[in-house]
Amino acid sequence: MNFLNYILPVLAGTADPNATGAELQGAYSWIQMLVILLPLALMYVILIVPQRRKEKKQREKIDSAIVGDQIVTIGGMVGKIVNIKDDEVTFETSIERSKVTIKKWAIKDVIKPIES
């Protein structure tokens, strides 16, 4: 409540002209803190929160991959999953059915087969 007693008169321009310097200094220090903290909080909400949601959704998509799904790696390789171990995925590429084993973190996208 003490904060409001200092900040509101200062913002409204009706601060007591007989107020001591210490009282006004306390009010101005709160304003300075708000000027610094408000943009930081706004940046957190605008930039970091959506990025975390996107990463969580991507991680869930990769963790839900099953044998038979098609994947795209971060290197651009495309193939069909043939085996999944703890943190490794084996997929086959091309007509020759070359098998490649990669770590799950190297998967960029999982494409579920279309069921007819």
PDB file of N, CA and C in Angstrom:
ATOM      1  N   MET A   1       0.823  -1.192   0.000  1.00  0.00           N
ATOM      2  CA  MET A   1       0.000   0.000   0.000  1.00  0.00           C
ATOM      3  C   MET A   1       0.863   1.251   0.000  1.00  0.00           C
ATOM      4  N   ASN A   2       2.020   1.152   0.639  1.00  0.00           N
ATOM      5  CA  ASN A   2       2.934   2.271   0.700  1.00  0.00           C
ATOM      6  C   ASN A   2       3.354   2.707  -0.700  1.00  0.00           C
ATOM      7  N   PHE A   3       3.520   1.737  -1.573  1.00  0.00           N
ATOM      8  CA  PHE A   3       3.905   2.004  -2.953  1.00  0.00           C
ATOM      9  C   PHE A   3       2.875   2.905  -3.637  1.00  0.00           C
ATOM     10  N   LEU A   4       1.602   2.591  -3.475  1.00  0.00           N
ATOM     11  CA  LEU A   4       0.548   3.382  -4.114  1.00  0.00           C
ATOM     12  C   LEU A   4       0.499   4.801  -3.571  1.00  0.00           C
ATOM     13  N   ASN A   5       0.803   4.967  -2.303  1.00  0.00           N
ATOM     14  CA  ASN A   5       0.807   6.311  -1.720  1.00  0.00           C
ATOM     15  C   ASN A   5       1.855   7.195  -2.379  1.00  0.00           C
ATOM     16  N   TYR A   6       2.946   6.619  -2.827  1.00  0.00           N
ATOM     17  CA  TYR A   6       4.003   7.404  -3.456  1.00  0.00           C
ATOM     18  C   TYR A   6       3.816   7.543  -4.958  1.00  0.00           C
ATOM     19  N   ILE A   7       3.429   6.468  -5.607  1.00  0.00           N
ATOM     20  CA  ILE A   7       3.422   6.462  -7.072  1.00  0.00           C
ATOM     21  C   ILE A   7       2.255   7.252  -7.670  1.00  0.00           C
ATOM     22  N   LEU A   8       1.079   7.124  -7.088  1.00  0.00           N
ATOM     23  CA  LEU A   8      -0.085   7.790  -7.673  1.00  0.00           C
ATOM     24  C   LEU A   8       0.045   9.309  -7.685  1.00  0.00           C
ATOM     25  N   PRO A   9       0.441   9.967  -6.597  1.00  0.00           N
ATOM     26  CA  PRO A   9       0.603  11.424  -6.671  1.00  0.00           C
ATOM     27  C   PRO A   9       1.695  11.848  -7.651  1.00  0.00           C
ATOM     28  N   VAL A  10       2.751  11.067  -7.742  1.00  0.00           N
ATOM     29  CA  VAL A  10       3.832  11.422  -8.665  1.00  0.00           C
ATOM     30  C   VAL A  10       3.349  11.312 -10.103  1.00  0.00           C
ATOM     31  N   LEU A  11       2.630  10.231 -10.416  1.00  0.00           N
ATOM     32  CA  LEU A  11       2.122  10.056 -11.778  1.00  0.00           C
ATOM     33  C   LEU A  11       1.058  11.090 -12.121  1.00  0.00           C
ATOM     34  N   ALA A  12       0.260  11.453 -11.153  1.00  0.00           N
ATOM     35  CA  ALA A  12      -0.798  12.431 -11.401  1.00  0.00           C
ATOM     36  C   ALA A  12      -0.257  13.856 -11.393  1.00  0.00           C
ATOM     37  N   GLY A  13       0.968  14.037 -10.947  1.00  0.00           N
ATOM     38  CA  GLY A  13       1.552  15.371 -10.909  1.00  0.00           C
ATOM     39  C   GLY A  13       1.077  16.183  -9.721  1.00  0.00           C
ATOM     40  N   THR A  14       0.519  15.523  -8.745  1.00  0.00           N
ATOM     41  CA  THR A  14      -0.005  16.233  -7.575  1.00  0.00           C
ATOM     42  C   THR A  14       0.787  15.898  -6.327  1.00  0.00           C
ATOM     43  N   ALA A  15       2.062  15.640  -6.484  1.00  0.00           N
ATOM     44  CA  ALA A  15       2.893  15.312  -5.327  1.00  0.00           C
ATOM     45  C   ALA A  15       2.946  16.499  -4.384  1.00  0.00           C
ATOM     46  N   ASP A  16       3.027  16.217  -3.118  1.00  0.00           N
ATOM     47  CA  ASP A  16       3.068  17.247  -2.085  1.00  0.00           C
ATOM     48  C   ASP A  16       4.333  18.085  -2.246  1.00  0.00           C
ATOM     49  N   PRO A  17       4.188  19.396  -2.449  1.00  0.00           N
ATOM     50  CA  PRO A  17       5.385  20.227  -2.624  1.00  0.00           C
ATOM     51  C   PRO A  17       6.232  20.307  -1.357  1.00  0.00           C
ATOM     52  N   ASN A  18       5.646  19.994  -0.218  1.00  0.00           N
ATOM     53  CA  ASN A  18       6.388  20.033   1.040  1.00  0.00           C
ATOM     54  C   ASN A  18       7.019  18.685   1.376  1.00  0.00           C
ATOM     55  N   ALA A  19       6.905  17.707   0.471  1.00  0.00           N
ATOM     56  CA  ALA A  19       7.451  16.376   0.732  1.00  0.00           C
ATOM     57  C   ALA A  19       8.968  16.452   0.778  1.00  0.00           C
ATOM     58  N   THR A  20       9.531  15.618   1.615  1.00  0.00           N
ATOM     59  CA  THR A  20      10.993  15.607   1.734  1.00  0.00           C
ATOM     60  C   THR A  20      11.596  14.897   0.531  1.00  0.00           C
ATOM     61  N   GLY A  21      12.868  15.120   0.321  1.00  0.00           N
ATOM     62  CA  GLY A  21      13.560  14.488  -0.802  1.00  0.00           C
ATOM     63  C   GLY A  21      13.567  12.985  -0.693  1.00  0.00           C
ATOM     64  N   ALA A  22      13.629  12.459   0.529  1.00  0.00           N
ATOM     65  CA  ALA A  22      13.650  11.011   0.716  1.00  0.00           C
ATOM     66  C   ALA A  22      12.335  10.381   0.267  1.00  0.00           C
ATOM     67  N   GLU A  23      11.229  11.059   0.545  1.00  0.00           N
ATOM     68  CA  GLU A  23       9.925  10.519   0.130  1.00  0.00           C
ATOM     69  C   GLU A  23       9.814  10.480  -1.392  1.00  0.00           C
ATOM     70  N   LEU A  24      10.221  11.563  -2.031  1.00  0.00           N
ATOM     71  CA  LEU A  24      10.148  11.600  -3.493  1.00  0.00           C
ATOM     72  C   LEU A  24      11.145  10.623  -4.115  1.00  0.00           C
ATOM     73  N   GLN A  25      12.311  10.487  -3.517  1.00  0.00           N
ATOM     74  CA  GLN A  25      13.311   9.553  -4.038  1.00  0.00           C
ATOM     75  C   GLN A  25      12.781   8.128  -4.010  1.00  0.00           C
ATOM     76  N   GLY A  26      12.050   7.763  -2.955  1.00  0.00           N
ATOM     77  CA  GLY A  26      11.463   6.430  -2.864  1.00  0.00           C
ATOM     78  C   GLY A  26      10.462   6.191  -3.979  1.00  0.00           C
ATOM     79  N   ALA A  27       9.653   7.195  -4.273  1.00  0.00           N
ATOM     80  CA  ALA A  27       8.662   7.058  -5.337  1.00  0.00           C
ATOM     81  C   ALA A  27       9.336   6.932  -6.695  1.00  0.00           C
ATOM     82  N   TYR A  28      10.358   7.737  -6.928  1.00  0.00           N
ATOM     83  CA  TYR A  28      11.042   7.690  -8.214  1.00  0.00           C
ATOM     84  C   TYR A  28      11.802   6.380  -8.407  1.00  0.00           C
ATOM     85  N   SER A  29      12.313   5.806  -7.340  1.00  0.00           N
ATOM     86  CA  SER A  29      13.021   4.534  -7.490  1.00  0.00           C
ATOM     87  C   SER A  29      12.055   3.425  -7.905  1.00  0.00           C
ATOM     88  N   TRP A  30      10.820   3.468  -7.414  1.00  0.00           N
ATOM     89  CA  TRP A  30       9.820   2.484  -7.838  1.00  0.00           C
ATOM     90  C   TRP A  30       9.487   2.656  -9.317  1.00  0.00           C
ATOM     91  N   ILE A  31       9.397   3.889  -9.756  1.00  0.00           N
ATOM     92  CA  ILE A  31       9.111   4.145 -11.171  1.00  0.00           C
ATOM     93  C   ILE A  31      10.254   3.617 -12.035  1.00  0.00           C
ATOM     94  N   GLN A  32      11.478   3.845 -11.599  1.00  0.00           N
ATOM     95  CA  GLN A  32      12.628   3.353 -12.351  1.00  0.00           C
ATOM     96  C   GLN A  32      12.623   1.831 -12.430  1.00  0.00           C
ATOM     97  N   MET A  33      12.262   1.181 -11.337  1.00  0.00           N
ATOM     98  CA  MET A  33      12.188  -0.281 -11.353  1.00  0.00           C
ATOM     99  C   MET A  33      11.118  -0.760 -12.324  1.00  0.00           C
ATOM    100  N   LEU A  34       9.977  -0.076 -12.345  1.00  0.00           N
ATOM    101  CA  LEU A  34       8.909  -0.452 -13.272  1.00  0.00           C
ATOM    102  C   LEU A  34       9.343  -0.267 -14.720  1.00  0.00           C
ATOM    103  N   VAL A  35      10.056   0.805 -14.987  1.00  0.00           N
ATOM    104  CA  VAL A  35      10.515   1.076 -16.349  1.00  0.00           C
ATOM    105  C   VAL A  35      11.458  -0.030 -16.821  1.00  0.00           C
ATOM    106  N   ILE A  36      12.218  -0.602 -15.921  1.00  0.00           N
ATOM    107  CA  ILE A  36      13.137  -1.680 -16.286  1.00  0.00           C
ATOM    108  C   ILE A  36      12.421  -3.027 -16.348  1.00  0.00           C
ATOM    109  N   LEU A  37      11.587  -3.323 -15.358  1.00  0.00           N
ATOM    110  CA  LEU A  37      10.973  -4.647 -15.257  1.00  0.00           C
ATOM    111  C   LEU A  37       9.817  -4.865 -16.230  1.00  0.00           C
ATOM    112  N   LEU A  38       9.061  -3.836 -16.534  1.00  0.00           N
ATOM    113  CA  LEU A  38       7.910  -3.993 -17.426  1.00  0.00           C
ATOM    114  C   LEU A  38       8.319  -4.462 -18.827  1.00  0.00           C
ATOM    115  N   PRO A  39       9.317  -3.853 -19.469  1.00  0.00           N
ATOM    116  CA  PRO A  39       9.731  -4.372 -20.785  1.00  0.00           C
ATOM    117  C   PRO A  39      10.282  -5.795 -20.721  1.00  0.00           C
ATOM    118  N   LEU A  40      10.987  -6.129 -19.643  1.00  0.00           N
ATOM    119  CA  LEU A  40      11.500  -7.489 -19.510  1.00  0.00           C
ATOM    120  C   LEU A  40      10.361  -8.498 -19.402  1.00  0.00           C
ATOM    121  N   ALA A  41       9.351  -8.167 -18.613  1.00  0.00           N
ATOM    122  CA  ALA A  41       8.197  -9.055 -18.476  1.00  0.00           C
ATOM    123  C   ALA A  41       7.458  -9.176 -19.808  1.00  0.00           C
ATOM    124  N   LEU A  42       7.311  -8.078 -20.502  1.00  0.00           N
ATOM    125  CA  LEU A  42       6.633  -8.086 -21.796  1.00  0.00           C
ATOM    126  C   LEU A  42       7.415  -8.924 -22.811  1.00  0.00           C
ATOM    127  N   MET A  43       8.730  -8.790 -22.822  1.00  0.00           N
ATOM    128  CA  MET A  43       9.555  -9.577 -23.733  1.00  0.00           C
ATOM    129  C   MET A  43       9.437 -11.069 -23.416  1.00  0.00           C
ATOM    130  N   TYR A  44       9.391 -11.408 -22.140  1.00  0.00           N
ATOM    131  CA  TYR A  44       9.245 -12.806 -21.738  1.00  0.00           C
ATOM    132  C   TYR A  44       7.937 -13.371 -22.278  1.00  0.00           C
ATOM    133  N   VAL A  45       6.862 -12.621 -22.113  1.00  0.00           N
ATOM    134  CA  VAL A  45       5.543 -13.100 -22.546  1.00  0.00           C
ATOM    135  C   VAL A  45       5.463 -13.192 -24.065  1.00  0.00           C
ATOM    136  N   ILE A  46       6.043 -12.249 -24.768  1.00  0.00           N
ATOM    137  CA  ILE A  46       5.934 -12.218 -26.229  1.00  0.00           C
ATOM    138  C   ILE A  46       6.884 -13.201 -26.913  1.00  0.00           C
ATOM    139  N   LEU A  47       8.095 -13.364 -26.393  1.00  0.00           N
ATOM    140  CA  LEU A  47       9.097 -14.177 -27.084  1.00  0.00           C
ATOM    141  C   LEU A  47       9.294 -15.571 -26.506  1.00  0.00           C
ATOM    142  N   ILE A  48       9.448 -15.680 -25.226  1.00  0.00           N
ATOM    143  CA  ILE A  48       9.871 -16.943 -24.627  1.00  0.00           C
ATOM    144  C   ILE A  48       8.723 -17.926 -24.455  1.00  0.00           C
ATOM    145  N   VAL A  49       7.577 -17.477 -24.000  1.00  0.00           N
ATOM    146  CA  VAL A  49       6.449 -18.388 -23.758  1.00  0.00           C
ATOM    147  C   VAL A  49       5.998 -19.084 -25.046  1.00  0.00           C
ATOM    148  N   PRO A  50       5.783 -18.373 -26.160  1.00  0.00           N
ATOM    149  CA  PRO A  50       5.386 -19.081 -27.387  1.00  0.00           C
ATOM    150  C   PRO A  50       6.454 -20.060 -27.894  1.00  0.00           C
ATOM    151  N   GLN A  51       7.726 -19.707 -27.733  1.00  0.00           N
ATOM    152  CA  GLN A  51       8.800 -20.603 -28.165  1.00  0.00           C
ATOM    153  C   GLN A  51       8.783 -21.894 -27.353  1.00  0.00           C
ATOM    154  N   ARG A  52       8.550 -21.794 -26.048  1.00  0.00           N
ATOM    155  CA  ARG A  52       8.485 -22.994 -25.208  1.00  0.00           C
ATOM    156  C   ARG A  52       7.304 -23.872 -25.601  1.00  0.00           C
ATOM    157  N   ARG A  53       6.169 -23.254 -25.913  1.00  0.00           N
ATOM    158  CA  ARG A  53       5.000 -24.029 -26.353  1.00  0.00           C
ATOM    159  C   ARG A  53       5.308 -24.776 -27.643  1.00  0.00           C
ATOM    160  N   LYS A  54       5.965 -24.090 -28.573  1.00  0.00           N
ATOM    161  CA  LYS A  54       6.310 -24.698 -29.859  1.00  0.00           C
ATOM    162  C   LYS A  54       7.268 -25.872 -29.655  1.00  0.00           C
ATOM    163  N   GLU A  55       8.276 -25.696 -28.796  1.00  0.00           N
ATOM    164  CA  GLU A  55       9.232 -26.773 -28.526  1.00  0.00           C
ATOM    165  C   GLU A  55       8.550 -27.961 -27.867  1.00  0.00           C
ATOM    166  N   LYS A  56       7.627 -27.705 -26.950  1.00  0.00           N
ATOM    167  CA  LYS A  56       6.912 -28.784 -26.261  1.00  0.00           C
ATOM    168  C   LYS A  56       6.060 -29.570 -27.258  1.00  0.00           C
ATOM    169  N   LYS A  57       5.373 -28.859 -28.150  1.00  0.00           N
ATOM    170  CA  LYS A  57       4.536 -29.512 -29.155  1.00  0.00           C
ATOM    171  C   LYS A  57       5.395 -30.365 -30.099  1.00  0.00           C
ATOM    172  N   GLN A  58       6.559 -29.843 -30.502  1.00  0.00           N
ATOM    173  CA  GLN A  58       7.471 -30.582 -31.379  1.00  0.00           C
ATOM    174  C   GLN A  58       7.990 -31.831 -30.674  1.00  0.00           C
ATOM    175  N   ARG A  59       8.360 -31.709 -29.400  1.00  0.00           N
ATOM    176  CA  ARG A  59       8.873 -32.844 -28.630  1.00  0.00           C
ATOM    177  C   ARG A  59       7.801 -33.921 -28.496  1.00  0.00           C
ATOM    178  N   GLU A  60       6.547 -33.512 -28.237  1.00  0.00           N
ATOM    179  CA  GLU A  60       5.451 -34.480 -28.128  1.00  0.00           C
ATOM    180  C   GLU A  60       5.218 -35.192 -29.453  1.00  0.00           C
ATOM    181  N   LYS A  61       5.325 -34.456 -30.556  1.00  0.00           N
ATOM    182  CA  LYS A  61       5.127 -35.044 -31.884  1.00  0.00           C
ATOM    183  C   LYS A  61       6.204 -36.090 -32.168  1.00  0.00           C
ATOM    184  N   ILE A  62       7.440 -35.791 -31.821  1.00  0.00           N
ATOM    185  CA  ILE A  62       8.540 -36.736 -32.048  1.00  0.00           C
ATOM    186  C   ILE A  62       8.394 -37.950 -31.145  1.00  0.00           C
ATOM    187  N   ASP A  63       8.021 -37.730 -29.884  1.00  0.00           N
ATOM    188  CA  ASP A  63       7.863 -38.848 -28.947  1.00  0.00           C
ATOM    189  C   ASP A  63       6.698 -39.757 -29.320  1.00  0.00           C
ATOM    190  N   SER A  64       5.716 -39.236 -30.061  1.00  0.00           N
ATOM    191  CA  SER A  64       4.561 -40.049 -30.443  1.00  0.00           C
ATOM    192  C   SER A  64       4.780 -40.796 -31.764  1.00  0.00           C
ATOM    193  N   ALA A  65       5.954 -40.657 -32.354  1.00  0.00           N
ATOM    194  CA  ALA A  65       6.248 -41.349 -33.619  1.00  0.00           C
ATOM    195  C   ALA A  65       6.260 -42.858 -33.395  1.00  0.00           C
ATOM    196  N   ILE A  66       5.699 -43.577 -34.352  1.00  0.00           N
ATOM    197  CA  ILE A  66       5.656 -45.037 -34.272  1.00  0.00           C
ATOM    198  C   ILE A  66       6.235 -45.624 -35.559  1.00  0.00           C
ATOM    199  N   VAL A  67       6.486 -46.921 -35.538  1.00  0.00           N
ATOM    200  CA  VAL A  67       7.000 -47.611 -36.722  1.00  0.00           C
ATOM    201  C   VAL A  67       5.984 -47.450 -37.851  1.00  0.00           C
ATOM    202  N   GLY A  68       6.458 -47.061 -39.017  1.00  0.00           N
ATOM    203  CA  GLY A  68       5.595 -46.855 -40.173  1.00  0.00           C
ATOM    204  C   GLY A  68       5.378 -45.384 -40.498  1.00  0.00           C
ATOM    205  N   ASP A  69       5.651 -44.498 -39.539  1.00  0.00           N
ATOM    206  CA  ASP A  69       5.533 -43.063 -39.801  1.00  0.00           C
ATOM    207  C   ASP A  69       6.689 -42.610 -40.679  1.00  0.00           C
ATOM    208  N   GLN A  70       6.445 -41.577 -41.443  1.00  0.00           N
ATOM    209  CA  GLN A  70       7.499 -41.009 -42.272  1.00  0.00           C
ATOM    210  C   GLN A  70       8.114 -39.840 -41.512  1.00  0.00           C
ATOM    211  N   ILE A  71       9.446 -39.696 -41.586  1.00  0.00           N
ATOM    212  CA  ILE A  71      10.116 -38.606 -40.881  1.00  0.00           C
ATOM    213  C   ILE A  71      10.984 -37.804 -41.836  1.00  0.00           C
ATOM    214  N   VAL A  72      11.250 -36.576 -41.427  1.00  0.00           N
ATOM    215  CA  VAL A  72      12.196 -35.710 -42.114  1.00  0.00           C
ATOM    216  C   VAL A  72      13.224 -35.308 -41.063  1.00  0.00           C
ATOM    217  N   THR A  73      14.507 -35.491 -41.385  1.00  0.00           N
ATOM    218  CA  THR A  73      15.557 -35.154 -40.427  1.00  0.00           C
ATOM    219  C   THR A  73      15.970 -33.698 -40.583  1.00  0.00           C
ATOM    220  N   ILE A  74      16.757 -33.214 -39.622  1.00  0.00           N
ATOM    221  CA  ILE A  74      17.237 -31.836 -39.715  1.00  0.00           C
ATOM    222  C   ILE A  74      18.210 -31.662 -40.875  1.00  0.00           C
ATOM    223  N   GLY A  75      18.746 -32.766 -41.387  1.00  0.00           N
ATOM    224  CA  GLY A  75      19.638 -32.721 -42.545  1.00  0.00           C
ATOM    225  C   GLY A  75      18.897 -32.828 -43.866  1.00  0.00           C
ATOM    226  N   GLY A  76      17.581 -33.039 -43.811  1.00  0.00           N
ATOM    227  CA  GLY A  76      16.778 -33.106 -45.023  1.00  0.00           C
ATOM    228  C   GLY A  76      16.511 -34.509 -45.530  1.00  0.00           C
ATOM    229  N   MET A  77      16.978 -35.535 -44.829  1.00  0.00           N
ATOM    230  CA  MET A  77      16.717 -36.911 -45.258  1.00  0.00           C
ATOM    231  C   MET A  77      15.270 -37.273 -44.936  1.00  0.00           C
ATOM    232  N   VAL A  78      14.656 -38.031 -45.832  1.00  0.00           N
ATOM    233  CA  VAL A  78      13.268 -38.455 -45.660  1.00  0.00           C
ATOM    234  C   VAL A  78      13.238 -39.970 -45.666  1.00  0.00           C
ATOM    235  N   GLY A  79      12.449 -40.542 -44.778  1.00  0.00           N
ATOM    236  CA  GLY A  79      12.361 -41.993 -44.742  1.00  0.00           C
ATOM    237  C   GLY A  79      11.226 -42.472 -43.868  1.00  0.00           C
ATOM    238  N   LYS A  80      11.082 -43.789 -43.837  1.00  0.00           N
ATOM    239  CA  LYS A  80      10.011 -44.438 -43.088  1.00  0.00           C
ATOM    240  C   LYS A  80      10.625 -45.153 -41.887  1.00  0.00           C
ATOM    241  N   ILE A  81      10.060 -44.941 -40.700  1.00  0.00           N
ATOM    242  CA  ILE A  81      10.594 -45.537 -39.477  1.00  0.00           C
ATOM    243  C   ILE A  81      10.408 -47.048 -39.509  1.00  0.00           C
ATOM    244  N   VAL A  82      11.508 -47.782 -39.208  1.00  0.00           N
ATOM    245  CA  VAL A  82      11.434 -49.241 -39.137  1.00  0.00           C
ATOM    246  C   VAL A  82      11.737 -49.762 -37.734  1.00  0.00           C
ATOM    247  N   ASN A  83      12.384 -48.949 -36.894  1.00  0.00           N
ATOM    248  CA  ASN A  83      12.707 -49.392 -35.539  1.00  0.00           C
ATOM    249  C   ASN A  83      12.901 -48.171 -34.642  1.00  0.00           C
ATOM    250  N   ILE A  84      12.434 -48.290 -33.404  1.00  0.00           N
ATOM    251  CA  ILE A  84      12.613 -47.216 -32.428  1.00  0.00           C
ATOM    252  C   ILE A  84      13.187 -47.820 -31.156  1.00  0.00           C
ATOM    253  N   LYS A  85      14.333 -47.311 -30.735  1.00  0.00           N
ATOM    254  CA  LYS A  85      14.925 -47.664 -29.447  1.00  0.00           C
ATOM    255  C   LYS A  85      14.912 -46.393 -28.607  1.00  0.00           C
ATOM    256  N   ASP A  86      15.262 -46.493 -27.357  1.00  0.00           N
ATOM    257  CA  ASP A  86      15.215 -45.383 -26.402  1.00  0.00           C
ATOM    258  C   ASP A  86      15.273 -43.999 -27.050  1.00  0.00           C
ATOM    259  N   ASP A  87      16.451 -43.558 -27.434  1.00  0.00           N
ATOM    260  CA  ASP A  87      16.580 -42.233 -28.038  1.00  0.00           C
ATOM    261  C   ASP A  87      17.115 -42.309 -29.466  1.00  0.00           C
ATOM    262  N   GLU A  88      16.985 -43.472 -30.091  1.00  0.00           N
ATOM    263  CA  GLU A  88      17.433 -43.662 -31.467  1.00  0.00           C
ATOM    264  C   GLU A  88      16.293 -44.160 -32.341  1.00  0.00           C
ATOM    265  N   VAL A  89      16.319 -43.735 -33.582  1.00  0.00           N
ATOM    266  CA  VAL A  89      15.307 -44.142 -34.560  1.00  0.00           C
ATOM    267  C   VAL A  89      16.038 -44.661 -35.794  1.00  0.00           C
ATOM    268  N   THR A  90      15.603 -45.815 -36.285  1.00  0.00           N
ATOM    269  CA  THR A  90      16.149 -46.352 -37.531  1.00  0.00           C
ATOM    270  C   THR A  90      15.068 -46.205 -38.591  1.00  0.00           C
ATOM    271  N   PHE A  91      15.454 -45.635 -39.721  1.00  0.00           N
ATOM    272  CA  PHE A  91      14.493 -45.479 -40.812  1.00  0.00           C
ATOM    273  C   PHE A  91      15.142 -45.907 -42.108  1.00  0.00           C
ATOM    274  N   GLU A  92      14.286 -46.274 -43.075  1.00  0.00           N
ATOM    275  CA  GLU A  92      14.813 -46.670 -44.379  1.00  0.00           C
ATOM    276  C   GLU A  92      14.462 -45.603 -45.396  1.00  0.00           C
ATOM    277  N   THR A  93      15.410 -45.412 -46.307  1.00  0.00           N
ATOM    278  CA  THR A  93      15.259 -44.382 -47.327  1.00  0.00           C
ATOM    279  C   THR A  93      15.285 -45.020 -48.706  1.00  0.00           C
ATOM    280  N   SER A  94      14.772 -44.350 -49.666  1.00  0.00           N
ATOM    281  CA  SER A  94      14.817 -44.686 -51.093  1.00  0.00           C
ATOM    282  C   SER A  94      14.322 -46.086 -51.435  1.00  0.00           C
ATOM    283  N   ILE A  95      14.478 -46.424 -52.676  1.00  0.00           N
ATOM    284  CA  ILE A  95      14.017 -47.707 -53.187  1.00  0.00           C
ATOM    285  C   ILE A  95      14.923 -48.835 -52.723  1.00  0.00           C
ATOM    286  N   GLU A  96      16.224 -48.568 -52.548  1.00  0.00           N
ATOM    287  CA  GLU A  96      17.167 -49.598 -52.119  1.00  0.00           C
ATOM    288  C   GLU A  96      16.986 -49.964 -50.651  1.00  0.00           C
ATOM    289  N   ARG A  97      16.150 -49.272 -49.965  1.00  0.00           N
ATOM    290  CA  ARG A  97      15.860 -49.510 -48.547  1.00  0.00           C
ATOM    291  C   ARG A  97      17.116 -49.411 -47.683  1.00  0.00           C
ATOM    292  N   SER A  98      17.868 -48.373 -47.901  1.00  0.00           N
ATOM    293  CA  SER A  98      19.036 -48.112 -47.055  1.00  0.00           C
ATOM    294  C   SER A  98      18.540 -47.752 -45.663  1.00  0.00           C
ATOM    295  N   LYS A  99      19.135 -48.362 -44.653  1.00  0.00           N
ATOM    296  CA  LYS A  99      18.711 -48.092 -43.285  1.00  0.00           C
ATOM    297  C   LYS A  99      19.701 -47.136 -42.620  1.00  0.00           C
ATOM    298  N   VAL A 100      19.149 -46.150 -41.949  1.00  0.00           N
ATOM    299  CA  VAL A 100      19.946 -45.136 -41.265  1.00  0.00           C
ATOM    300  C   VAL A 100      19.432 -45.025 -39.839  1.00  0.00           C
ATOM    301  N   THR A 101      20.357 -44.982 -38.875  1.00  0.00           N
ATOM    302  CA  THR A 101      19.982 -44.805 -37.475  1.00  0.00           C
ATOM    303  C   THR A 101      20.412 -43.412 -37.031  1.00  0.00           C
ATOM    304  N   ILE A 102      19.478 -42.681 -36.428  1.00  0.00           N
ATOM    305  CA  ILE A 102      19.757 -41.324 -35.949  1.00  0.00           C
ATOM    306  C   ILE A 102      19.217 -41.168 -34.530  1.00  0.00           C
ATOM    307  N   LYS A 103      19.619 -40.106 -33.879  1.00  0.00           N
ATOM    308  CA  LYS A 103      19.078 -39.758 -32.566  1.00  0.00           C
ATOM    309  C   LYS A 103      17.741 -39.049 -32.764  1.00  0.00           C
ATOM    310  N   LYS A 104      16.862 -39.153 -31.766  1.00  0.00           N
ATOM    311  CA  LYS A 104      15.544 -38.529 -31.884  1.00  0.00           C
ATOM    312  C   LYS A 104      15.629 -37.013 -32.027  1.00  0.00           C
ATOM    313  N   TRP A 105      16.637 -36.392 -31.409  1.00  0.00           N
ATOM    314  CA  TRP A 105      16.743 -34.942 -31.497  1.00  0.00           C
ATOM    315  C   TRP A 105      17.019 -34.473 -32.919  1.00  0.00           C
ATOM    316  N   ALA A 106      17.447 -35.380 -33.813  1.00  0.00           N
ATOM    317  CA  ALA A 106      17.746 -35.012 -35.196  1.00  0.00           C
ATOM    318  C   ALA A 106      16.517 -35.069 -36.094  1.00  0.00           C
ATOM    319  N   ILE A 107      15.360 -35.417 -35.533  1.00  0.00           N
ATOM    320  CA  ILE A 107      14.125 -35.462 -36.319  1.00  0.00           C
ATOM    321  C   ILE A 107      13.516 -34.069 -36.357  1.00  0.00           C
ATOM    322  N   LYS A 108      13.229 -33.607 -37.561  1.00  0.00           N
ATOM    323  CA  LYS A 108      12.620 -32.287 -37.721  1.00  0.00           C
ATOM    324  C   LYS A 108      11.100 -32.378 -37.757  1.00  0.00           C
ATOM    325  N   ASP A 109      10.578 -33.400 -38.445  1.00  0.00           N
ATOM    326  CA  ASP A 109       9.128 -33.508 -38.597  1.00  0.00           C
ATOM    327  C   ASP A 109       8.725 -34.973 -38.688  1.00  0.00           C
ATOM    328  N   VAL A 110       7.539 -35.271 -38.183  1.00  0.00           N
ATOM    329  CA  VAL A 110       6.961 -36.613 -38.263  1.00  0.00           C
ATOM    330  C   VAL A 110       5.682 -36.494 -39.074  1.00  0.00           C
ATOM    331  N   ILE A 111       5.580 -37.315 -40.123  1.00  0.00           N
ATOM    332  CA  ILE A 111       4.404 -37.286 -40.995  1.00  0.00           C
ATOM    333  C   ILE A 111       3.664 -38.602 -40.821  1.00  0.00           C
ATOM    334  N   LYS A 112       2.467 -38.518 -40.277  1.00  0.00           N
ATOM    335  CA  LYS A 112       1.655 -39.719 -40.055  1.00  0.00           C
ATOM    336  C   LYS A 112       1.080 -40.178 -41.388  1.00  0.00           C
ATOM    337  N   PRO A 113       1.027 -41.498 -41.616  1.00  0.00           N
ATOM    338  CA  PRO A 113       0.451 -41.990 -42.876  1.00  0.00           C
ATOM    339  C   PRO A 113      -1.049 -41.691 -42.937  1.00  0.00           C
ATOM    340  N   ILE A 114      -1.519 -41.424 -44.136  1.00  0.00           N
ATOM    341  CA  ILE A 114      -2.944 -41.150 -44.335  1.00  0.00           C
ATOM    342  C   ILE A 114      -3.692 -42.470 -44.357  1.00  0.00           C
ATOM    343  N   GLU A 115      -4.675 -42.577 -43.473  1.00  0.00           N
ATOM    344  CA  GLU A 115      -5.454 -43.817 -43.411  1.00  0.00           C
ATOM    345  C   GLU A 115      -6.647 -43.709 -44.338  1.00  0.00           C
ATOM    346  N   SER A 116      -6.872 -44.761 -45.131  1.00  0.00           N
ATOM    347  CA  SER A 116      -7.985 -44.719 -46.076  1.00  0.00           C
ATOM    348  C   SER A 116      -9.075 -45.668 -45.703  1.00  0.00           C
TER     349      SER A 116
END
